[in-house]
Amino acid sequence: MVNVALQVRLEAKPGKEKELEEFLRAQLSYALGEPETTAWFAVKFDNRTFGIFDAFPDESGRQAHLEGEIAKALGNRAGELLAKPLAIEKLDILAAKLPGNGEVPDSLG
């Protein structure tokens, strides 16, 4: 079950688009090592705009992720790769469909 999430928007500096894309792909290994990160996605919106979406069972999992290796690596490379400061949004999950989760919440009948 997931209850909270993060959405991060990243805009690459001109000429750094490929590097940012490769950087995001490389972060998967860190996400796989985070037991409280239930779902993690690196996405590409357009040629210069990328994002990360991840979901967690609770606030402690979200906080652990914010203090983890992906956040550290992004902080170390942000000035080099990003055109503007990244925008991190904390979200509450209202409903989710995850692999192996065939349960229908009571609120849906």
PDB file of N, CA and C in Angstrom:
ATOM      1  N   MET A   1       0.828  -1.176   0.000  1.00  0.00           N
ATOM      2  CA  MET A   1       0.000   0.000   0.000  1.00  0.00           C
ATOM      3  C   MET A   1       0.878   1.247   0.000  1.00  0.00           C
ATOM      4  N   VAL A   2       0.472   2.242  -0.729  1.00  0.00           N
ATOM      5  CA  VAL A   2       1.177   3.526  -0.759  1.00  0.00           C
ATOM      6  C   VAL A   2       0.216   4.616  -0.297  1.00  0.00           C
ATOM      7  N   ASN A   3       0.728   5.547   0.478  1.00  0.00           N
ATOM      8  CA  ASN A   3      -0.090   6.630   1.001  1.00  0.00           C
ATOM      9  C   ASN A   3       0.460   8.008   0.689  1.00  0.00           C
ATOM     10  N   VAL A   4       1.768   8.102   0.451  1.00  0.00           N
ATOM     11  CA  VAL A   4       2.403   9.383   0.164  1.00  0.00           C
ATOM     12  C   VAL A   4       3.349   9.221  -1.019  1.00  0.00           C
ATOM     13  N   ALA A   5       3.685  10.361  -1.654  1.00  0.00           N
ATOM     14  CA  ALA A   5       4.536  10.314  -2.843  1.00  0.00           C
ATOM     15  C   ALA A   5       5.336  11.602  -2.961  1.00  0.00           C
ATOM     16  N   LEU A   6       6.255  11.578  -3.916  1.00  0.00           N
ATOM     17  CA  LEU A   6       7.018  12.757  -4.300  1.00  0.00           C
ATOM     18  C   LEU A   6       6.940  12.893  -5.810  1.00  0.00           C
ATOM     19  N   GLN A   7       6.857  14.119  -6.261  1.00  0.00           N
ATOM     20  CA  GLN A   7       6.942  14.423  -7.688  1.00  0.00           C
ATOM     21  C   GLN A   7       8.013  15.488  -7.837  1.00  0.00           C
ATOM     22  N   VAL A   8       8.997  15.203  -8.666  1.00  0.00           N
ATOM     23  CA  VAL A   8      10.119  16.120  -8.857  1.00  0.00           C
ATOM     24  C   VAL A   8      10.216  16.461 -10.340  1.00  0.00           C
ATOM     25  N   ARG A   9      10.293  17.738 -10.639  1.00  0.00           N
ATOM     26  CA  ARG A   9      10.428  18.191 -12.024  1.00  0.00           C
ATOM     27  C   ARG A   9      11.829  18.746 -12.209  1.00  0.00           C
ATOM     28  N   LEU A  10      12.487  18.323 -13.300  1.00  0.00           N
ATOM     29  CA  LEU A  10      13.862  18.711 -13.575  1.00  0.00           C
ATOM     30  C   LEU A  10      13.966  19.240 -14.999  1.00  0.00           C
ATOM     31  N   GLU A  11      14.551  20.412 -15.156  1.00  0.00           N
ATOM     32  CA  GLU A  11      14.774  20.971 -16.492  1.00  0.00           C
ATOM     33  C   GLU A  11      16.271  20.985 -16.768  1.00  0.00           C
ATOM     34  N   ALA A  12      16.668  20.298 -17.816  1.00  0.00           N
ATOM     35  CA  ALA A  12      18.088  20.191 -18.167  1.00  0.00           C
ATOM     36  C   ALA A  12      18.620  21.505 -18.718  1.00  0.00           C
ATOM     37  N   LYS A  13      19.872  21.783 -18.400  1.00  0.00           N
ATOM     38  CA  LYS A  13      20.563  22.900 -19.038  1.00  0.00           C
ATOM     39  C   LYS A  13      20.700  22.577 -20.519  1.00  0.00           C
ATOM     40  N   PRO A  14      20.699  23.595 -21.383  1.00  0.00           N
ATOM     41  CA  PRO A  14      20.913  23.329 -22.805  1.00  0.00           C
ATOM     42  C   PRO A  14      22.219  22.552 -23.007  1.00  0.00           C
ATOM     43  N   GLY A  15      22.132  21.490 -23.779  1.00  0.00           N
ATOM     44  CA  GLY A  15      23.291  20.647 -24.046  1.00  0.00           C
ATOM     45  C   GLY A  15      23.523  19.561 -23.013  1.00  0.00           C
ATOM     46  N   LYS A  16      22.746  19.554 -21.918  1.00  0.00           N
ATOM     47  CA  LYS A  16      22.909  18.557 -20.842  1.00  0.00           C
ATOM     48  C   LYS A  16      21.757  17.554 -20.798  1.00  0.00           C
ATOM     49  N   GLU A  17      20.900  17.590 -21.823  1.00  0.00           N
ATOM     50  CA  GLU A  17      19.723  16.729 -21.830  1.00  0.00           C
ATOM     51  C   GLU A  17      20.085  15.243 -21.761  1.00  0.00           C
ATOM     52  N   LYS A  18      21.010  14.820 -22.580  1.00  0.00           N
ATOM     53  CA  LYS A  18      21.394  13.406 -22.611  1.00  0.00           C
ATOM     54  C   LYS A  18      22.043  12.993 -21.291  1.00  0.00           C
ATOM     55  N   GLU A  19      22.879  13.862 -20.747  1.00  0.00           N
ATOM     56  CA  GLU A  19      23.534  13.571 -19.464  1.00  0.00           C
ATOM     57  C   GLU A  19      22.517  13.421 -18.342  1.00  0.00           C
ATOM     58  N   LEU A  20      21.503  14.295 -18.327  1.00  0.00           N
ATOM     59  CA  LEU A  20      20.481  14.204 -17.290  1.00  0.00           C
ATOM     60  C   LEU A  20      19.682  12.918 -17.456  1.00  0.00           C
ATOM     61  N   GLU A  21      19.353  12.574 -18.686  1.00  0.00           N
ATOM     62  CA  GLU A  21      18.624  11.332 -18.938  1.00  0.00           C
ATOM     63  C   GLU A  21      19.438  10.124 -18.459  1.00  0.00           C
ATOM     64  N   GLU A  22      20.705  10.086 -18.774  1.00  0.00           N
ATOM     65  CA  GLU A  22      21.564   8.979 -18.333  1.00  0.00           C
ATOM     66  C   GLU A  22      21.702   8.962 -16.812  1.00  0.00           C
ATOM     67  N   PHE A  23      21.814  10.125 -16.202  1.00  0.00           N
ATOM     68  CA  PHE A  23      21.892  10.224 -14.753  1.00  0.00           C
ATOM     69  C   PHE A  23      20.645   9.609 -14.113  1.00  0.00           C
ATOM     70  N   LEU A  24      19.471   9.979 -14.632  1.00  0.00           N
ATOM     71  CA  LEU A  24      18.228   9.451 -14.064  1.00  0.00           C
ATOM     72  C   LEU A  24      18.131   7.943 -14.233  1.00  0.00           C
ATOM     73  N   ARG A  25      18.508   7.438 -15.391  1.00  0.00           N
ATOM     74  CA  ARG A  25      18.487   5.980 -15.603  1.00  0.00           C
ATOM     75  C   ARG A  25      19.386   5.266 -14.592  1.00  0.00           C
ATOM     76  N   ALA A  26      20.516   5.857 -14.281  1.00  0.00           N
ATOM     77  CA  ALA A  26      21.477   5.244 -13.363  1.00  0.00           C
ATOM     78  C   ALA A  26      20.971   5.218 -11.919  1.00  0.00           C
ATOM     79  N   GLN A  27      19.992   6.031 -11.591  1.00  0.00           N
ATOM     80  CA  GLN A  27      19.491   6.081 -10.212  1.00  0.00           C
ATOM     81  C   GLN A  27      18.592   4.897  -9.861  1.00  0.00           C
ATOM     82  N   LEU A  28      18.169   4.138 -10.848  1.00  0.00           N
ATOM     83  CA  LEU A  28      17.301   2.987 -10.584  1.00  0.00           C
ATOM     84  C   LEU A  28      17.925   2.025  -9.582  1.00  0.00           C
ATOM     85  N   SER A  29      19.209   1.791  -9.690  1.00  0.00           N
ATOM     86  CA  SER A  29      19.848   0.845  -8.765  1.00  0.00           C
ATOM     87  C   SER A  29      19.718   1.306  -7.316  1.00  0.00           C
ATOM     88  N   TYR A  30      19.774   2.613  -7.086  1.00  0.00           N
ATOM     89  CA  TYR A  30      19.581   3.134  -5.726  1.00  0.00           C
ATOM     90  C   TYR A  30      18.138   2.943  -5.275  1.00  0.00           C
ATOM     91  N   ALA A  31      17.189   3.229  -6.161  1.00  0.00           N
ATOM     92  CA  ALA A  31      15.777   3.070  -5.810  1.00  0.00           C
ATOM     93  C   ALA A  31      15.465   1.614  -5.461  1.00  0.00           C
ATOM     94  N   LEU A  32      16.065   0.688  -6.202  1.00  0.00           N
ATOM     95  CA  LEU A  32      15.843  -0.735  -5.914  1.00  0.00           C
ATOM     96  C   LEU A  32      16.350  -1.116  -4.530  1.00  0.00           C
ATOM     97  N   GLY A  33      17.322  -0.393  -4.014  1.00  0.00           N
ATOM     98  CA  GLY A  33      17.878  -0.676  -2.706  1.00  0.00           C
ATOM     99  C   GLY A  33      17.153   0.002  -1.552  1.00  0.00           C
ATOM    100  N   GLU A  34      16.087   0.710  -1.845  1.00  0.00           N
ATOM    101  CA  GLU A  34      15.315   1.395  -0.803  1.00  0.00           C
ATOM    102  C   GLU A  34      14.052   0.601  -0.503  1.00  0.00           C
ATOM    103  N   PRO A  35      14.025  -0.129   0.609  1.00  0.00           N
ATOM    104  CA  PRO A  35      12.876  -0.990   0.904  1.00  0.00           C
ATOM    105  C   PRO A  35      11.557  -0.231   1.080  1.00  0.00           C
ATOM    106  N   GLU A  36      11.613   1.021   1.474  1.00  0.00           N
ATOM    107  CA  GLU A  36      10.381   1.791   1.694  1.00  0.00           C
ATOM    108  C   GLU A  36       9.911   2.535   0.439  1.00  0.00           C
ATOM    109  N   THR A  37      10.682   2.454  -0.645  1.00  0.00           N
ATOM    110  CA  THR A  37      10.248   3.057  -1.905  1.00  0.00           C
ATOM    111  C   THR A  37       9.475   1.998  -2.668  1.00  0.00           C
ATOM    112  N   THR A  38       8.149   2.092  -2.612  1.00  0.00           N
ATOM    113  CA  THR A  38       7.275   1.083  -3.219  1.00  0.00           C
ATOM    114  C   THR A  38       7.275   1.181  -4.733  1.00  0.00           C
ATOM    115  N   ALA A  39       7.271   2.406  -5.243  1.00  0.00           N
ATOM    116  CA  ALA A  39       7.267   2.630  -6.692  1.00  0.00           C
ATOM    117  C   ALA A  39       8.179   3.807  -6.991  1.00  0.00           C
ATOM    118  N   TRP A  40       8.931   3.701  -8.082  1.00  0.00           N
ATOM    119  CA  TRP A  40       9.863   4.759  -8.480  1.00  0.00           C
ATOM    120  C   TRP A  40       9.889   4.826  -9.997  1.00  0.00           C
ATOM    121  N   PHE A  41       9.716   6.024 -10.531  1.00  0.00           N
ATOM    122  CA  PHE A  41       9.721   6.232 -11.974  1.00  0.00           C
ATOM    123  C   PHE A  41      10.574   7.440 -12.318  1.00  0.00           C
ATOM    124  N   ALA A  42      11.423   7.324 -13.316  1.00  0.00           N
ATOM    125  CA  ALA A  42      12.102   8.456 -13.937  1.00  0.00           C
ATOM    126  C   ALA A  42      11.413   8.637 -15.285  1.00  0.00           C
ATOM    127  N   VAL A  43      10.978   9.859 -15.579  1.00  0.00           N
ATOM    128  CA  VAL A  43      10.191  10.101 -16.786  1.00  0.00           C
ATOM    129  C   VAL A  43      10.758  11.263 -17.592  1.00  0.00           C
ATOM    130  N   LYS A  44      10.376  11.292 -18.851  1.00  0.00           N
ATOM    131  CA  LYS A  44      10.782  12.361 -19.756  1.00  0.00           C
ATOM    132  C   LYS A  44       9.521  12.999 -20.321  1.00  0.00           C
ATOM    133  N   PHE A  45       9.329  14.300 -20.045  1.00  0.00           N
ATOM    134  CA  PHE A  45       8.165  15.015 -20.535  1.00  0.00           C
ATOM    135  C   PHE A  45       8.389  15.541 -21.951  1.00  0.00           C
ATOM    136  N   ASP A  46       9.571  16.085 -22.186  1.00  0.00           N
ATOM    137  CA  ASP A  46       9.948  16.574 -23.511  1.00  0.00           C
ATOM    138  C   ASP A  46      11.471  16.569 -23.574  1.00  0.00           C
ATOM    139  N   ASN A  47      12.052  17.176 -24.598  1.00  0.00           N
ATOM    140  CA  ASN A  47      13.504  17.091 -24.786  1.00  0.00           C
ATOM    141  C   ASN A  47      14.324  17.639 -23.628  1.00  0.00           C
ATOM    142  N   ARG A  48      13.782  18.610 -22.885  1.00  0.00           N
ATOM    143  CA  ARG A  48      14.556  19.226 -21.797  1.00  0.00           C
ATOM    144  C   ARG A  48      13.964  18.995 -20.418  1.00  0.00           C
ATOM    145  N   THR A  49      12.742  18.479 -20.339  1.00  0.00           N
ATOM    146  CA  THR A  49      12.053  18.367 -19.059  1.00  0.00           C
ATOM    147  C   THR A  49      11.889  16.911 -18.655  1.00  0.00           C
ATOM    148  N   PHE A  50      12.345  16.618 -17.457  1.00  0.00           N
ATOM    149  CA  PHE A  50      12.319  15.262 -16.918  1.00  0.00           C
ATOM    150  C   PHE A  50      11.638  15.286 -15.561  1.00  0.00           C
ATOM    151  N   GLY A  51      11.394  14.114 -15.022  1.00  0.00           N
ATOM    152  CA  GLY A  51      10.778  14.058 -13.708  1.00  0.00           C
ATOM    153  C   GLY A  51      11.059  12.753 -13.008  1.00  0.00           C
ATOM    154  N   ILE A  52      10.793  12.778 -11.717  1.00  0.00           N
ATOM    155  CA  ILE A  52      10.850  11.574 -10.884  1.00  0.00           C
ATOM    156  C   ILE A  52       9.540  11.529 -10.121  1.00  0.00           C
ATOM    157  N   PHE A  53       8.919  10.360 -10.101  1.00  0.00           N
ATOM    158  CA  PHE A  53       7.736  10.136  -9.277  1.00  0.00           C
ATOM    159  C   PHE A  53       8.006   8.891  -8.458  1.00  0.00           C
ATOM    160  N   ASP A  54       7.805   8.993  -7.166  1.00  0.00           N
ATOM    161  CA  ASP A  54       7.974   7.823  -6.313  1.00  0.00           C
ATOM    162  C   ASP A  54       6.929   7.814  -5.225  1.00  0.00           C
ATOM    163  N   ALA A  55       6.597   6.608  -4.752  1.00  0.00           N
ATOM    164  CA  ALA A  55       5.532   6.444  -3.765  1.00  0.00           C
ATOM    165  C   ALA A  55       6.018   5.576  -2.611  1.00  0.00           C
ATOM    166  N   PHE A  56       5.427   5.844  -1.450  1.00  0.00           N
ATOM    167  CA  PHE A  56       5.887   5.235  -0.203  1.00  0.00           C
ATOM    168  C   PHE A  56       4.687   4.873   0.676  1.00  0.00           C
ATOM    169  N   PRO A  57       4.863   3.917   1.576  1.00  0.00           N
ATOM    170  CA  PRO A  57       3.761   3.561   2.464  1.00  0.00           C
ATOM    171  C   PRO A  57       3.449   4.643   3.494  1.00  0.00           C
ATOM    172  N   ASP A  58       4.459   5.405   3.892  1.00  0.00           N
ATOM    173  CA  ASP A  58       4.239   6.401   4.944  1.00  0.00           C
ATOM    174  C   ASP A  58       5.305   7.493   4.889  1.00  0.00           C
ATOM    175  N   GLU A  59       5.166   8.462   5.777  1.00  0.00           N
ATOM    176  CA  GLU A  59       6.065   9.611   5.790  1.00  0.00           C
ATOM    177  C   GLU A  59       7.503   9.213   6.105  1.00  0.00           C
ATOM    178  N   SER A  60       7.706   8.213   6.942  1.00  0.00           N
ATOM    179  CA  SER A  60       9.082   7.817   7.266  1.00  0.00           C
ATOM    180  C   SER A  60       9.797   7.258   6.038  1.00  0.00           C
ATOM    181  N   GLY A  61       9.080   6.541   5.181  1.00  0.00           N
ATOM    182  CA  GLY A  61       9.670   6.050   3.933  1.00  0.00           C
ATOM    183  C   GLY A  61      10.004   7.184   2.985  1.00  0.00           C
ATOM    184  N   ARG A  62       9.112   8.164   2.911  1.00  0.00           N
ATOM    185  CA  ARG A  62       9.358   9.318   2.046  1.00  0.00           C
ATOM    186  C   ARG A  62      10.569  10.100   2.554  1.00  0.00           C
ATOM    187  N   GLN A  63      10.653  10.286   3.862  1.00  0.00           N
ATOM    188  CA  GLN A  63      11.772  11.036   4.430  1.00  0.00           C
ATOM    189  C   GLN A  63      13.092  10.294   4.225  1.00  0.00           C
ATOM    190  N   ALA A  64      13.068   8.971   4.378  1.00  0.00           N
ATOM    191  CA  ALA A  64      14.283   8.170   4.144  1.00  0.00           C
ATOM    192  C   ALA A  64      14.758   8.351   2.710  1.00  0.00           C
ATOM    193  N   HIS A  65      13.831   8.406   1.771  1.00  0.00           N
ATOM    194  CA  HIS A  65      14.190   8.607   0.368  1.00  0.00           C
ATOM    195  C   HIS A  65      14.803   9.992   0.158  1.00  0.00           C
ATOM    196  N   LEU A  66      14.214  11.001   0.777  1.00  0.00           N
ATOM    197  CA  LEU A  66      14.735  12.365   0.652  1.00  0.00           C
ATOM    198  C   LEU A  66      16.132  12.514   1.243  1.00  0.00           C
ATOM    199  N   GLU A  67      16.504  11.616   2.135  1.00  0.00           N
ATOM    200  CA  GLU A  67      17.829  11.634   2.745  1.00  0.00           C
ATOM    201  C   GLU A  67      18.755  10.584   2.129  1.00  0.00           C
ATOM    202  N   GLY A  68      18.277   9.888   1.087  1.00  0.00           N
ATOM    203  CA  GLY A  68      19.008   8.769   0.501  1.00  0.00           C
ATOM    204  C   GLY A  68      19.972   9.156  -0.612  1.00  0.00           C
ATOM    205  N   GLU A  69      20.470   8.125  -1.269  1.00  0.00           N
ATOM    206  CA  GLU A  69      21.521   8.266  -2.277  1.00  0.00           C
ATOM    207  C   GLU A  69      21.085   9.036  -3.520  1.00  0.00           C
ATOM    208  N   ILE A  70      19.838   8.863  -3.946  1.00  0.00           N
ATOM    209  CA  ILE A  70      19.378   9.579  -5.140  1.00  0.00           C
ATOM    210  C   ILE A  70      19.370  11.077  -4.870  1.00  0.00           C
ATOM    211  N   ALA A  71      18.832  11.463  -3.731  1.00  0.00           N
ATOM    212  CA  ALA A  71      18.792  12.889  -3.372  1.00  0.00           C
ATOM    213  C   ALA A  71      20.199  13.459  -3.250  1.00  0.00           C
ATOM    214  N   LYS A  72      21.114  12.696  -2.655  1.00  0.00           N
ATOM    215  CA  LYS A  72      22.502  13.160  -2.526  1.00  0.00           C
ATOM    216  C   LYS A  72      23.143  13.337  -3.898  1.00  0.00           C
ATOM    217  N   ALA A  73      22.961  12.340  -4.759  1.00  0.00           N
ATOM    218  CA  ALA A  73      23.555  12.407  -6.099  1.00  0.00           C
ATOM    219  C   ALA A  73      22.974  13.574  -6.890  1.00  0.00           C
ATOM    220  N   LEU A  74      21.681  13.772  -6.783  1.00  0.00           N
ATOM    221  CA  LEU A  74      21.040  14.875  -7.495  1.00  0.00           C
ATOM    222  C   LEU A  74      21.535  16.213  -6.959  1.00  0.00           C
ATOM    223  N   GLY A  75      21.673  16.314  -5.659  1.00  0.00           N
ATOM    224  CA  GLY A  75      22.200  17.541  -5.069  1.00  0.00           C
ATOM    225  C   GLY A  75      23.612  17.847  -5.537  1.00  0.00           C
ATOM    226  N   ASN A  76      24.426  16.815  -5.688  1.00  0.00           N
ATOM    227  CA  ASN A  76      25.810  16.988  -6.137  1.00  0.00           C
ATOM    228  C   ASN A  76      25.912  17.407  -7.602  1.00  0.00           C
ATOM    229  N   ARG A  77      24.931  17.028  -8.416  1.00  0.00           N
ATOM    230  CA  ARG A  77      25.012  17.298  -9.858  1.00  0.00           C
ATOM    231  C   ARG A  77      24.042  18.364 -10.347  1.00  0.00           C
ATOM    232  N   ALA A  78      23.184  18.874  -9.471  1.00  0.00           N
ATOM    233  CA  ALA A  78      22.140  19.819  -9.889  1.00  0.00           C
ATOM    234  C   ALA A  78      22.719  21.039 -10.597  1.00  0.00           C
ATOM    235  N   GLY A  79      23.752  21.649 -10.047  1.00  0.00           N
ATOM    236  CA  GLY A  79      24.333  22.835 -10.653  1.00  0.00           C
ATOM    237  C   GLY A  79      24.894  22.594 -12.039  1.00  0.00           C
ATOM    238  N   GLU A  80      25.374  21.403 -12.261  1.00  0.00           N
ATOM    239  CA  GLU A  80      25.960  21.019 -13.544  1.00  0.00           C
ATOM    240  C   GLU A  80      24.902  20.682 -14.591  1.00  0.00           C
ATOM    241  N   LEU A  81      23.808  20.015 -14.160  1.00  0.00           N
ATOM    242  CA  LEU A  81      22.830  19.469 -15.098  1.00  0.00           C
ATOM    243  C   LEU A  81      21.550  20.275 -15.258  1.00  0.00           C
ATOM    244  N   LEU A  82      21.145  21.031 -14.232  1.00  0.00           N
ATOM    245  CA  LEU A  82      19.817  21.634 -14.235  1.00  0.00           C
ATOM    246  C   LEU A  82      19.834  23.124 -14.576  1.00  0.00           C
ATOM    247  N   ALA A  83      18.854  23.538 -15.388  1.00  0.00           N
ATOM    248  CA  ALA A  83      18.719  24.929 -15.796  1.00  0.00           C
ATOM    249  C   ALA A  83      18.129  25.793 -14.685  1.00  0.00           C
ATOM    250  N   LYS A  84      17.356  25.183 -13.815  1.00  0.00           N
ATOM    251  CA  LYS A  84      16.765  25.914 -12.692  1.00  0.00           C
ATOM    252  C   LYS A  84      16.588  24.939 -11.529  1.00  0.00           C
ATOM    253  N   PRO A  85      16.377  25.466 -10.354  1.00  0.00           N
ATOM    254  CA  PRO A  85      16.228  24.572  -9.195  1.00  0.00           C
ATOM    255  C   PRO A  85      15.114  23.561  -9.417  1.00  0.00           C
ATOM    256  N   LEU A  86      15.348  22.346  -8.932  1.00  0.00           N
ATOM    257  CA  LEU A  86      14.319  21.331  -9.094  1.00  0.00           C
ATOM    258  C   LEU A  86      13.137  21.659  -8.201  1.00  0.00           C
ATOM    259  N   ALA A  87      11.972  21.247  -8.627  1.00  0.00           N
ATOM    260  CA  ALA A  87      10.744  21.488  -7.880  1.00  0.00           C
ATOM    261  C   ALA A  87      10.279  20.162  -7.293  1.00  0.00           C
ATOM    262  N   ILE A  88      10.283  20.078  -5.967  1.00  0.00           N
ATOM    263  CA  ILE A  88       9.861  18.858  -5.283  1.00  0.00           C
ATOM    264  C   ILE A  88       8.492  19.106  -4.663  1.00  0.00           C
ATOM    265  N   GLU A  89       7.547  18.246  -5.004  1.00  0.00           N
ATOM    266  CA  GLU A  89       6.202  18.336  -4.437  1.00  0.00           C
ATOM    267  C   GLU A  89       5.913  17.087  -3.636  1.00  0.00           C
ATOM    268  N   LYS A  90       5.399  17.276  -2.427  1.00  0.00           N
ATOM    269  CA  LYS A  90       4.946  16.164  -1.597  1.00  0.00           C
ATOM    270  C   LYS A  90       3.463  15.951  -1.883  1.00  0.00           C
ATOM    271  N   LEU A  91       3.108  14.718  -2.183  1.00  0.00           N
ATOM    272  CA  LEU A  91       1.740  14.382  -2.554  1.00  0.00           C
ATOM    273  C   LEU A  91       1.168  13.338  -1.599  1.00  0.00           C
ATOM    274  N   ASP A  92      -0.153  13.350  -1.445  1.00  0.00           N
ATOM    275  CA  ASP A  92      -0.865  12.281  -0.755  1.00  0.00           C
ATOM    276  C   ASP A  92      -1.506  11.407  -1.825  1.00  0.00           C
ATOM    277  N   ILE A  93      -1.391  10.107  -1.689  1.00  0.00           N
ATOM    278  CA  ILE A  93      -1.981   9.164  -2.646  1.00  0.00           C
ATOM    279  C   ILE A  93      -3.435   8.908  -2.249  1.00  0.00           C
ATOM    280  N   LEU A  94      -4.354   9.113  -3.162  1.00  0.00           N
ATOM    281  CA  LEU A  94      -5.768   8.865  -2.903  1.00  0.00           C
ATOM    282  C   LEU A  94      -6.174   7.448  -3.289  1.00  0.00           C
ATOM    283  N   ALA A  95      -5.584   6.924  -4.361  1.00  0.00           N
ATOM    284  CA  ALA A  95      -5.866   5.574  -4.833  1.00  0.00           C
ATOM    285  C   ALA A  95      -4.688   5.125  -5.677  1.00  0.00           C
ATOM    286  N   ALA A  96      -4.434   3.826  -5.692  1.00  0.00           N
ATOM    287  CA  ALA A  96      -3.307   3.307  -6.469  1.00  0.00           C
ATOM    288  C   ALA A  96      -3.588   1.887  -6.923  1.00  0.00           C
ATOM    289  N   LYS A  97      -3.060   1.548  -8.078  1.00  0.00           N
ATOM    290  CA  LYS A  97      -3.061   0.175  -8.571  1.00  0.00           C
ATOM    291  C   LYS A  97      -1.603  -0.222  -8.718  1.00  0.00           C
ATOM    292  N   LEU A  98      -1.197  -1.226  -7.966  1.00  0.00           N
ATOM    293  CA  LEU A  98       0.174  -1.708  -7.999  1.00  0.00           C
ATOM    294  C   LEU A  98       0.174  -3.190  -8.334  1.00  0.00           C
ATOM    295  N   PRO A  99       1.257  -3.707  -8.894  1.00  0.00           N
ATOM    296  CA  PRO A  99       1.322  -5.148  -9.161  1.00  0.00           C
ATOM    297  C   PRO A  99       1.076  -5.937  -7.883  1.00  0.00           C
ATOM    298  N   GLY A 100       0.246  -6.972  -7.996  1.00  0.00           N
ATOM    299  CA  GLY A 100      -0.019  -7.835  -6.843  1.00  0.00           C
ATOM    300  C   GLY A 100      -1.018  -7.252  -5.867  1.00  0.00           C
ATOM    301  N   ASN A 101      -1.585  -6.102  -6.197  1.00  0.00           N
ATOM    302  CA  ASN A 101      -2.541  -5.461  -5.299  1.00  0.00           C
ATOM    303  C   ASN A 101      -3.899  -5.447  -5.979  1.00  0.00           C
ATOM    304  N   GLY A 102      -4.640  -6.553  -5.866  1.00  0.00           N
ATOM    305  CA  GLY A 102      -5.936  -6.652  -6.508  1.00  0.00           C
ATOM    306  C   GLY A 102      -7.089  -6.282  -5.603  1.00  0.00           C
ATOM    307  N   GLU A 103      -6.791  -5.774  -4.434  1.00  0.00           N
ATOM    308  CA  GLU A 103      -7.832  -5.411  -3.477  1.00  0.00           C
ATOM    309  C   GLU A 103      -8.539  -4.139  -3.925  1.00  0.00           C
ATOM    310  N   VAL A 104      -9.835  -4.095  -3.688  1.00  0.00           N
ATOM    311  CA  VAL A 104     -10.618  -2.895  -3.959  1.00  0.00           C
ATOM    312  C   VAL A 104     -10.856  -2.208  -2.613  1.00  0.00           C
ATOM    313  N   PRO A 105     -10.416  -0.954  -2.460  1.00  0.00           N
ATOM    314  CA  PRO A 105     -10.635  -0.255  -1.191  1.00  0.00           C
ATOM    315  C   PRO A 105     -12.114  -0.152  -0.858  1.00  0.00           C
ATOM    316  N   ASP A 106     -12.430  -0.164   0.432  1.00  0.00           N
ATOM    317  CA  ASP A 106     -13.826  -0.046   0.872  1.00  0.00           C
ATOM    318  C   ASP A 106     -14.505   1.194   0.300  1.00  0.00           C
ATOM    319  N   SER A 107     -13.753   2.256   0.126  1.00  0.00           N
ATOM    320  CA  SER A 107     -14.337   3.498  -0.362  1.00  0.00           C
ATOM    321  C   SER A 107     -14.866   3.385  -1.799  1.00  0.00           C
ATOM    322  N   LEU A 108     -14.416   2.346  -2.504  1.00  0.00           N
ATOM    323  CA  LEU A 108     -14.880   2.157  -3.888  1.00  0.00           C
ATOM    324  C   LEU A 108     -16.017   1.148  -3.982  1.00  0.00           C
ATOM    325  N   GLY A 109     -16.393   0.586  -2.869  1.00  0.00           N
ATOM    326  CA  GLY A 109     -17.523  -0.340  -2.852  1.00  0.00           C
ATOM    327  C   GLY A 109     -17.048  -1.710  -2.929  1.00  0.00           C
TER     328      GLY A 109
END
